[in-house]
Amino acid sequence: QVQLVESGGGSVQAGGSLRLSCAASGYSFARRFTGWFRQAPGKEREAVALIDSYGSTTVSDSVKGRFTISQDNAKDNLFLQMNSLKPEDTATYYCAADKRWGTVSAAMEAIQTYGILTSFTFWGQGTQVTVSS
């Protein structure tokens, strides 16, 4: 049974940092496409950062220069380093994975065509990040 479990969320003041982790069981991140997404109350889920099995990454414009995605395929862990946090970063953060998309561009096209929830098969339960001003 595939399970993705996020951790590392919490409450922090603006300007602070958090490091989110996503651990996979029953599933290997190797040769898979993974990403971090977030959803704030009353808003749609949005892509924050994506990474393919070759290590190519992309991040949304709203977090560019502040957030970094990385993964450890050997241990099936995915990470999101979040620096210079802002109140608008407050949301529930989810990790997700899928085997269909080999590259960042393919995954982004899939998201635009099919939507986020359809483009990624496996999801974690989410971890809350709250940034106070």
N, C-alpha and C. Protein backbone atom coordinates (compact mmCIF):
# COMPACT_ATOMS: atom_id res chain seq x y z
N GLN A 1 0.85 -1.19 0.00
CA GLN A 1 0.00 0.00 0.00
C GLN A 1 0.89 1.24 0.00
N VAL A 2 0.61 2.13 -0.93
CA VAL A 2 1.41 3.34 -1.05
C VAL A 2 0.97 4.36 0.00
N GLN A 3 1.94 4.95 0.66
CA GLN A 3 1.63 5.98 1.64
C GLN A 3 2.69 7.07 1.57
N LEU A 4 2.22 8.31 1.51
CA LEU A 4 3.10 9.47 1.57
C LEU A 4 2.77 10.22 2.85
N VAL A 5 3.77 10.52 3.64
CA VAL A 5 3.54 11.17 4.93
C VAL A 5 4.40 12.41 5.02
N GLU A 6 3.73 13.57 5.14
CA GLU A 6 4.44 14.83 5.29
C GLU A 6 4.71 15.13 6.76
N SER A 7 5.76 15.88 6.99
CA SER A 7 6.09 16.35 8.34
C SER A 7 6.87 17.64 8.23
N GLY A 8 7.01 18.33 9.35
CA GLY A 8 7.82 19.55 9.37
C GLY A 8 7.03 20.84 9.39
N GLY A 9 5.72 20.74 9.25
CA GLY A 9 4.92 21.95 9.30
C GLY A 9 4.88 22.54 10.70
N GLY A 10 4.32 23.73 10.81
CA GLY A 10 4.23 24.37 12.11
C GLY A 10 3.91 25.84 11.97
N SER A 11 4.06 26.55 13.06
CA SER A 11 3.80 27.98 13.09
C SER A 11 5.13 28.73 13.19
N VAL A 12 5.25 29.77 12.41
CA VAL A 12 6.49 30.54 12.38
C VAL A 12 6.15 32.00 12.09
N GLN A 13 7.00 32.88 12.52
CA GLN A 13 6.82 34.29 12.21
C GLN A 13 7.34 34.61 10.82
N ALA A 14 6.82 35.66 10.24
CA ALA A 14 7.27 36.09 8.93
C ALA A 14 8.78 36.28 8.92
N GLY A 15 9.39 35.80 7.85
CA GLY A 15 10.84 35.85 7.74
C GLY A 15 11.52 34.59 8.21
N GLY A 16 10.79 33.72 8.86
CA GLY A 16 11.35 32.49 9.36
C GLY A 16 11.45 31.41 8.31
N SER A 17 11.90 30.24 8.74
CA SER A 17 12.11 29.11 7.82
C SER A 17 11.49 27.84 8.37
N LEU A 18 11.12 26.98 7.47
CA LEU A 18 10.66 25.63 7.80
C LEU A 18 11.18 24.68 6.72
N ARG A 19 11.35 23.43 7.10
CA ARG A 19 11.75 22.40 6.14
C ARG A 19 10.73 21.28 6.21
N LEU A 20 10.01 21.09 5.13
CA LEU A 20 9.02 20.03 5.06
C LEU A 20 9.66 18.76 4.50
N SER A 21 9.21 17.64 5.01
CA SER A 21 9.68 16.35 4.52
C SER A 21 8.49 15.50 4.12
N CYS A 22 8.71 14.64 3.16
CA CYS A 22 7.68 13.69 2.72
C CYS A 22 8.35 12.34 2.59
N ALA A 23 7.87 11.40 3.37
CA ALA A 23 8.43 10.05 3.35
C ALA A 23 7.46 9.11 2.65
N ALA A 24 8.00 8.29 1.76
CA ALA A 24 7.17 7.34 1.01
C ALA A 24 7.37 5.93 1.53
N SER A 25 6.29 5.21 1.63
CA SER A 25 6.37 3.78 1.94
C SER A 25 5.55 3.03 0.91
N GLY A 26 6.03 1.85 0.54
CA GLY A 26 5.34 1.08 -0.48
C GLY A 26 5.46 1.71 -1.86
N TYR A 27 6.44 2.61 -2.00
CA TYR A 27 6.54 3.36 -3.25
C TYR A 27 7.95 3.92 -3.34
N SER A 28 8.49 3.91 -4.52
CA SER A 28 9.83 4.46 -4.72
C SER A 28 9.76 5.75 -5.51
N PHE A 29 10.45 6.79 -5.02
CA PHE A 29 10.51 8.05 -5.73
C PHE A 29 11.42 7.98 -6.95
N ALA A 30 12.24 6.92 -7.00
CA ALA A 30 13.13 6.81 -8.15
C ALA A 30 12.30 6.63 -9.42
N ARG A 31 12.66 7.35 -10.45
CA ARG A 31 11.96 7.31 -11.74
C ARG A 31 10.49 7.68 -11.60
N ARG A 32 10.21 8.55 -10.66
CA ARG A 32 8.86 9.07 -10.48
C ARG A 32 8.90 10.58 -10.49
N PHE A 33 7.74 11.17 -10.66
CA PHE A 33 7.65 12.62 -10.65
C PHE A 33 6.96 13.02 -9.36
N THR A 34 7.57 13.96 -8.65
CA THR A 34 7.03 14.35 -7.35
C THR A 34 6.93 15.87 -7.24
N GLY A 35 6.13 16.31 -6.29
CA GLY A 35 5.98 17.74 -6.12
C GLY A 35 5.34 18.11 -4.82
N TRP A 36 5.42 19.39 -4.51
CA TRP A 36 4.77 19.98 -3.35
C TRP A 36 3.65 20.90 -3.83
N PHE A 37 2.53 20.82 -3.15
CA PHE A 37 1.38 21.64 -3.46
C PHE A 37 0.87 22.25 -2.17
N ARG A 38 0.06 23.28 -2.29
CA ARG A 38 -0.52 23.87 -1.08
C ARG A 38 -1.93 24.35 -1.36
N GLN A 39 -2.69 24.41 -0.28
CA GLN A 39 -4.07 24.87 -0.40
C GLN A 39 -4.41 25.69 0.83
N ALA A 40 -4.76 26.95 0.58
CA ALA A 40 -5.19 27.83 1.65
C ALA A 40 -6.71 27.78 1.76
N PRO A 41 -7.27 28.10 2.91
CA PRO A 41 -8.73 28.06 3.06
C PRO A 41 -9.42 28.91 2.02
N GLY A 42 -10.41 28.32 1.36
CA GLY A 42 -11.18 29.05 0.37
C GLY A 42 -10.50 29.21 -0.97
N LYS A 43 -9.34 28.62 -1.12
CA LYS A 43 -8.60 28.74 -2.38
C LYS A 43 -8.35 27.37 -2.99
N GLU A 44 -8.07 27.36 -4.28
CA GLU A 44 -7.77 26.11 -4.97
C GLU A 44 -6.36 25.64 -4.64
N ARG A 45 -6.16 24.34 -4.77
CA ARG A 45 -4.82 23.80 -4.55
C ARG A 45 -3.91 24.27 -5.69
N GLU A 46 -2.70 24.64 -5.33
CA GLU A 46 -1.77 25.15 -6.32
C GLU A 46 -0.44 24.43 -6.22
N ALA A 47 0.25 24.36 -7.33
CA ALA A 47 1.57 23.76 -7.35
C ALA A 47 2.59 24.74 -6.79
N VAL A 48 3.44 24.25 -5.92
CA VAL A 48 4.48 25.08 -5.33
C VAL A 48 5.82 24.77 -5.96
N ALA A 49 6.17 23.50 -6.04
CA ALA A 49 7.47 23.10 -6.58
C ALA A 49 7.38 21.67 -7.10
N LEU A 50 8.03 21.45 -8.22
CA LEU A 50 8.03 20.13 -8.85
C LEU A 50 9.46 19.68 -9.10
N ILE A 51 9.66 18.36 -9.08
CA ILE A 51 10.98 17.82 -9.38
C ILE A 51 10.82 16.50 -10.11
N ASP A 52 11.63 16.29 -11.16
CA ASP A 52 11.54 15.02 -11.87
C ASP A 52 12.66 14.10 -11.40
N SER A 53 12.66 12.89 -11.93
CA SER A 53 13.61 11.88 -11.46
C SER A 53 15.05 12.20 -11.86
N TYR A 54 15.22 13.18 -12.78
CA TYR A 54 16.56 13.58 -13.18
C TYR A 54 17.09 14.73 -12.32
N GLY A 55 16.22 15.24 -11.47
CA GLY A 55 16.64 16.33 -10.60
C GLY A 55 16.27 17.71 -11.11
N SER A 56 15.64 17.80 -12.26
CA SER A 56 15.19 19.10 -12.75
C SER A 56 14.01 19.58 -11.91
N THR A 57 14.03 20.87 -11.63
CA THR A 57 13.01 21.41 -10.74
C THR A 57 12.36 22.65 -11.34
N THR A 58 11.21 22.98 -10.80
CA THR A 58 10.56 24.24 -11.10
C THR A 58 9.80 24.67 -9.86
N VAL A 59 9.73 25.95 -9.62
CA VAL A 59 8.96 26.47 -8.49
C VAL A 59 8.04 27.57 -9.00
N SER A 60 6.97 27.80 -8.30
CA SER A 60 6.03 28.83 -8.72
C SER A 60 6.66 30.21 -8.52
N ASP A 61 6.16 31.16 -9.26
CA ASP A 61 6.72 32.52 -9.17
C ASP A 61 6.57 33.10 -7.77
N SER A 62 5.52 32.70 -7.07
CA SER A 62 5.26 33.27 -5.75
C SER A 62 6.28 32.83 -4.70
N VAL A 63 7.01 31.75 -4.95
CA VAL A 63 7.98 31.27 -3.96
C VAL A 63 9.40 31.24 -4.52
N LYS A 64 9.56 31.69 -5.74
CA LYS A 64 10.87 31.65 -6.38
C LYS A 64 11.88 32.45 -5.57
N GLY A 65 13.04 31.84 -5.38
CA GLY A 65 14.08 32.50 -4.60
C GLY A 65 13.95 32.27 -3.10
N ARG A 66 12.84 31.70 -2.67
CA ARG A 66 12.62 31.46 -1.23
C ARG A 66 12.48 29.97 -0.90
N PHE A 67 11.87 29.19 -1.79
CA PHE A 67 11.63 27.78 -1.57
C PHE A 67 12.52 26.94 -2.48
N THR A 68 12.98 25.80 -1.97
CA THR A 68 13.79 24.88 -2.74
C THR A 68 13.28 23.46 -2.54
N ILE A 69 13.06 22.76 -3.65
CA ILE A 69 12.63 21.37 -3.58
C ILE A 69 13.83 20.46 -3.83
N SER A 70 13.86 19.35 -3.12
CA SER A 70 14.91 18.36 -3.34
C SER A 70 14.39 17.00 -2.95
N GLN A 71 15.09 15.97 -3.36
CA GLN A 71 14.67 14.63 -2.96
C GLN A 71 15.85 13.70 -2.82
N ASP A 72 15.67 12.71 -1.99
CA ASP A 72 16.66 11.67 -1.76
C ASP A 72 16.05 10.37 -2.25
N ASN A 73 16.37 10.00 -3.46
CA ASN A 73 15.76 8.80 -4.03
C ASN A 73 16.15 7.54 -3.28
N ALA A 74 17.35 7.54 -2.74
CA ALA A 74 17.81 6.35 -2.02
C ALA A 74 16.93 6.06 -0.81
N LYS A 75 16.43 7.13 -0.19
CA LYS A 75 15.62 6.96 1.02
C LYS A 75 14.16 7.29 0.78
N ASP A 76 13.82 7.59 -0.48
CA ASP A 76 12.44 7.91 -0.82
C ASP A 76 11.90 9.04 0.03
N ASN A 77 12.67 10.08 0.14
CA ASN A 77 12.25 11.28 0.86
C ASN A 77 12.23 12.48 -0.08
N LEU A 78 11.24 13.32 0.11
CA LEU A 78 11.10 14.56 -0.64
C LEU A 78 11.13 15.70 0.35
N PHE A 79 11.77 16.80 -0.02
CA PHE A 79 11.92 17.92 0.90
C PHE A 79 11.48 19.22 0.26
N LEU A 80 11.08 20.16 1.11
CA LEU A 80 10.80 21.52 0.67
C LEU A 80 11.39 22.46 1.72
N GLN A 81 12.47 23.12 1.35
CA GLN A 81 13.07 24.12 2.23
C GLN A 81 12.40 25.45 1.96
N MET A 82 11.81 26.02 3.00
CA MET A 82 11.06 27.27 2.85
C MET A 82 11.74 28.34 3.71
N ASN A 83 12.25 29.35 3.05
CA ASN A 83 12.91 30.47 3.72
C ASN A 83 12.13 31.76 3.48
N SER A 84 12.41 32.75 4.30
CA SER A 84 11.77 34.06 4.15
C SER A 84 10.26 33.92 4.02
N LEU A 85 9.69 33.15 4.91
CA LEU A 85 8.25 32.87 4.84
C LEU A 85 7.43 34.14 5.03
N LYS A 86 6.30 34.17 4.34
CA LYS A 86 5.37 35.30 4.38
C LYS A 86 4.01 34.81 4.86
N PRO A 87 3.20 35.70 5.41
CA PRO A 87 1.86 35.29 5.84
C PRO A 87 1.05 34.64 4.71
N GLU A 88 1.26 35.07 3.49
CA GLU A 88 0.53 34.49 2.37
C GLU A 88 0.97 33.08 2.03
N ASP A 89 2.02 32.59 2.67
CA ASP A 89 2.43 31.20 2.50
C ASP A 89 1.63 30.25 3.40
N THR A 90 0.81 30.82 4.26
CA THR A 90 -0.01 30.00 5.15
C THR A 90 -0.95 29.11 4.36
N ALA A 91 -0.87 27.80 4.59
CA ALA A 91 -1.68 26.84 3.85
C ALA A 91 -1.39 25.44 4.38
N THR A 92 -2.17 24.49 3.90
CA THR A 92 -1.83 23.09 4.11
C THR A 92 -0.98 22.65 2.93
N TYR A 93 0.16 22.06 3.23
CA TYR A 93 1.10 21.65 2.19
C TYR A 93 1.02 20.14 2.00
N TYR A 94 0.97 19.73 0.74
CA TYR A 94 0.86 18.33 0.38
C TYR A 94 2.01 17.92 -0.52
N CYS A 95 2.49 16.71 -0.33
CA CYS A 95 3.39 16.15 -1.33
C CYS A 95 2.59 15.18 -2.19
N ALA A 96 3.02 14.99 -3.41
CA ALA A 96 2.32 14.12 -4.34
C ALA A 96 3.32 13.48 -5.28
N ALA A 97 2.92 12.35 -5.85
CA ALA A 97 3.81 11.63 -6.76
C ALA A 97 3.01 10.94 -7.85
N ASP A 98 3.66 10.75 -8.97
CA ASP A 98 3.04 10.05 -10.09
C ASP A 98 4.13 9.48 -10.99
N LYS A 99 3.82 8.41 -11.69
CA LYS A 99 4.84 7.79 -12.54
C LYS A 99 4.69 8.15 -14.01
N ARG A 100 3.66 8.93 -14.34
CA ARG A 100 3.37 9.17 -15.75
C ARG A 100 4.21 10.27 -16.37
N TRP A 101 4.69 11.21 -15.54
CA TRP A 101 5.33 12.39 -16.12
C TRP A 101 6.85 12.30 -15.95
N GLY A 102 7.53 12.25 -17.06
CA GLY A 102 8.98 12.07 -17.00
C GLY A 102 9.76 13.34 -16.83
N THR A 103 9.16 14.48 -17.20
CA THR A 103 9.88 15.74 -17.12
C THR A 103 9.02 16.82 -16.48
N VAL A 104 9.66 17.88 -16.08
CA VAL A 104 8.93 19.00 -15.48
C VAL A 104 7.91 19.57 -16.47
N SER A 105 8.33 19.72 -17.71
CA SER A 105 7.43 20.31 -18.71
C SER A 105 6.22 19.43 -18.95
N ALA A 106 6.41 18.11 -18.95
CA ALA A 106 5.29 17.19 -19.14
C ALA A 106 4.32 17.27 -17.98
N ALA A 107 4.84 17.38 -16.78
CA ALA A 107 3.97 17.48 -15.61
C ALA A 107 3.20 18.79 -15.61
N MET A 108 3.86 19.86 -15.97
CA MET A 108 3.17 21.16 -16.00
C MET A 108 2.09 21.16 -17.06
N GLU A 109 2.34 20.54 -18.20
CA GLU A 109 1.32 20.44 -19.24
C GLU A 109 0.15 19.61 -18.76
N ALA A 110 0.44 18.52 -18.04
CA ALA A 110 -0.62 17.68 -17.51
C ALA A 110 -1.48 18.45 -16.52
N ILE A 111 -0.84 19.23 -15.67
CA ILE A 111 -1.58 20.02 -14.68
C ILE A 111 -2.51 20.99 -15.38
N GLN A 112 -2.02 21.64 -16.43
CA GLN A 112 -2.84 22.60 -17.16
C GLN A 112 -3.98 21.90 -17.88
N THR A 113 -3.73 20.68 -18.35
CA THR A 113 -4.75 19.97 -19.13
C THR A 113 -5.76 19.26 -18.25
N TYR A 114 -5.27 18.57 -17.23
CA TYR A 114 -6.13 17.69 -16.44
C TYR A 114 -6.42 18.20 -15.03
N GLY A 115 -5.69 19.20 -14.60
CA GLY A 115 -5.85 19.67 -13.24
C GLY A 115 -4.89 18.97 -12.30
N ILE A 116 -4.67 19.58 -11.15
CA ILE A 116 -3.68 19.07 -10.21
C ILE A 116 -4.06 17.72 -9.65
N LEU A 117 -5.26 17.58 -9.16
CA LEU A 117 -5.65 16.34 -8.48
C LEU A 117 -5.64 15.14 -9.42
N THR A 118 -5.94 15.35 -10.69
CA THR A 118 -5.96 14.26 -11.66
C THR A 118 -4.55 13.92 -12.13
N SER A 119 -3.67 14.88 -12.10
CA SER A 119 -2.33 14.67 -12.64
C SER A 119 -1.41 13.92 -11.69
N PHE A 120 -1.77 13.84 -10.43
CA PHE A 120 -0.93 13.14 -9.47
C PHE A 120 -1.76 12.07 -8.77
N THR A 121 -1.26 10.85 -8.81
CA THR A 121 -2.02 9.69 -8.31
C THR A 121 -1.96 9.57 -6.80
N PHE A 122 -0.78 9.81 -6.24
CA PHE A 122 -0.59 9.57 -4.81
C PHE A 122 -0.39 10.88 -4.07
N TRP A 123 -1.10 11.03 -2.95
CA TRP A 123 -1.06 12.25 -2.15
C TRP A 123 -0.83 11.92 -0.69
N GLY A 124 -0.12 12.83 -0.01
CA GLY A 124 -0.03 12.74 1.43
C GLY A 124 -1.25 13.38 2.07
N GLN A 125 -1.29 13.33 3.40
CA GLN A 125 -2.43 13.85 4.12
C GLN A 125 -2.33 15.34 4.38
N GLY A 126 -1.15 15.90 4.16
CA GLY A 126 -0.96 17.34 4.32
C GLY A 126 -0.38 17.71 5.66
N THR A 127 0.36 18.81 5.68
CA THR A 127 0.91 19.35 6.92
C THR A 127 0.67 20.87 6.90
N GLN A 128 0.24 21.38 8.05
CA GLN A 128 -0.16 22.79 8.13
C GLN A 128 1.05 23.68 8.35
N VAL A 129 1.10 24.75 7.57
CA VAL A 129 2.11 25.79 7.75
C VAL A 129 1.37 27.10 8.01
N THR A 130 1.69 27.73 9.13
CA THR A 130 1.06 28.99 9.49
C THR A 130 2.15 30.03 9.71
N VAL A 131 2.05 31.13 8.98
CA VAL A 131 3.04 32.20 9.09
C VAL A 131 2.35 33.45 9.62
N SER A 132 2.81 33.94 10.74
CA SER A 132 2.20 35.12 11.34
C SER A 132 3.05 36.36 11.04
N SER A 133 2.35 37.48 10.96
CA SER A 133 3.05 38.73 10.63
C SER A 133 3.60 39.40 11.87
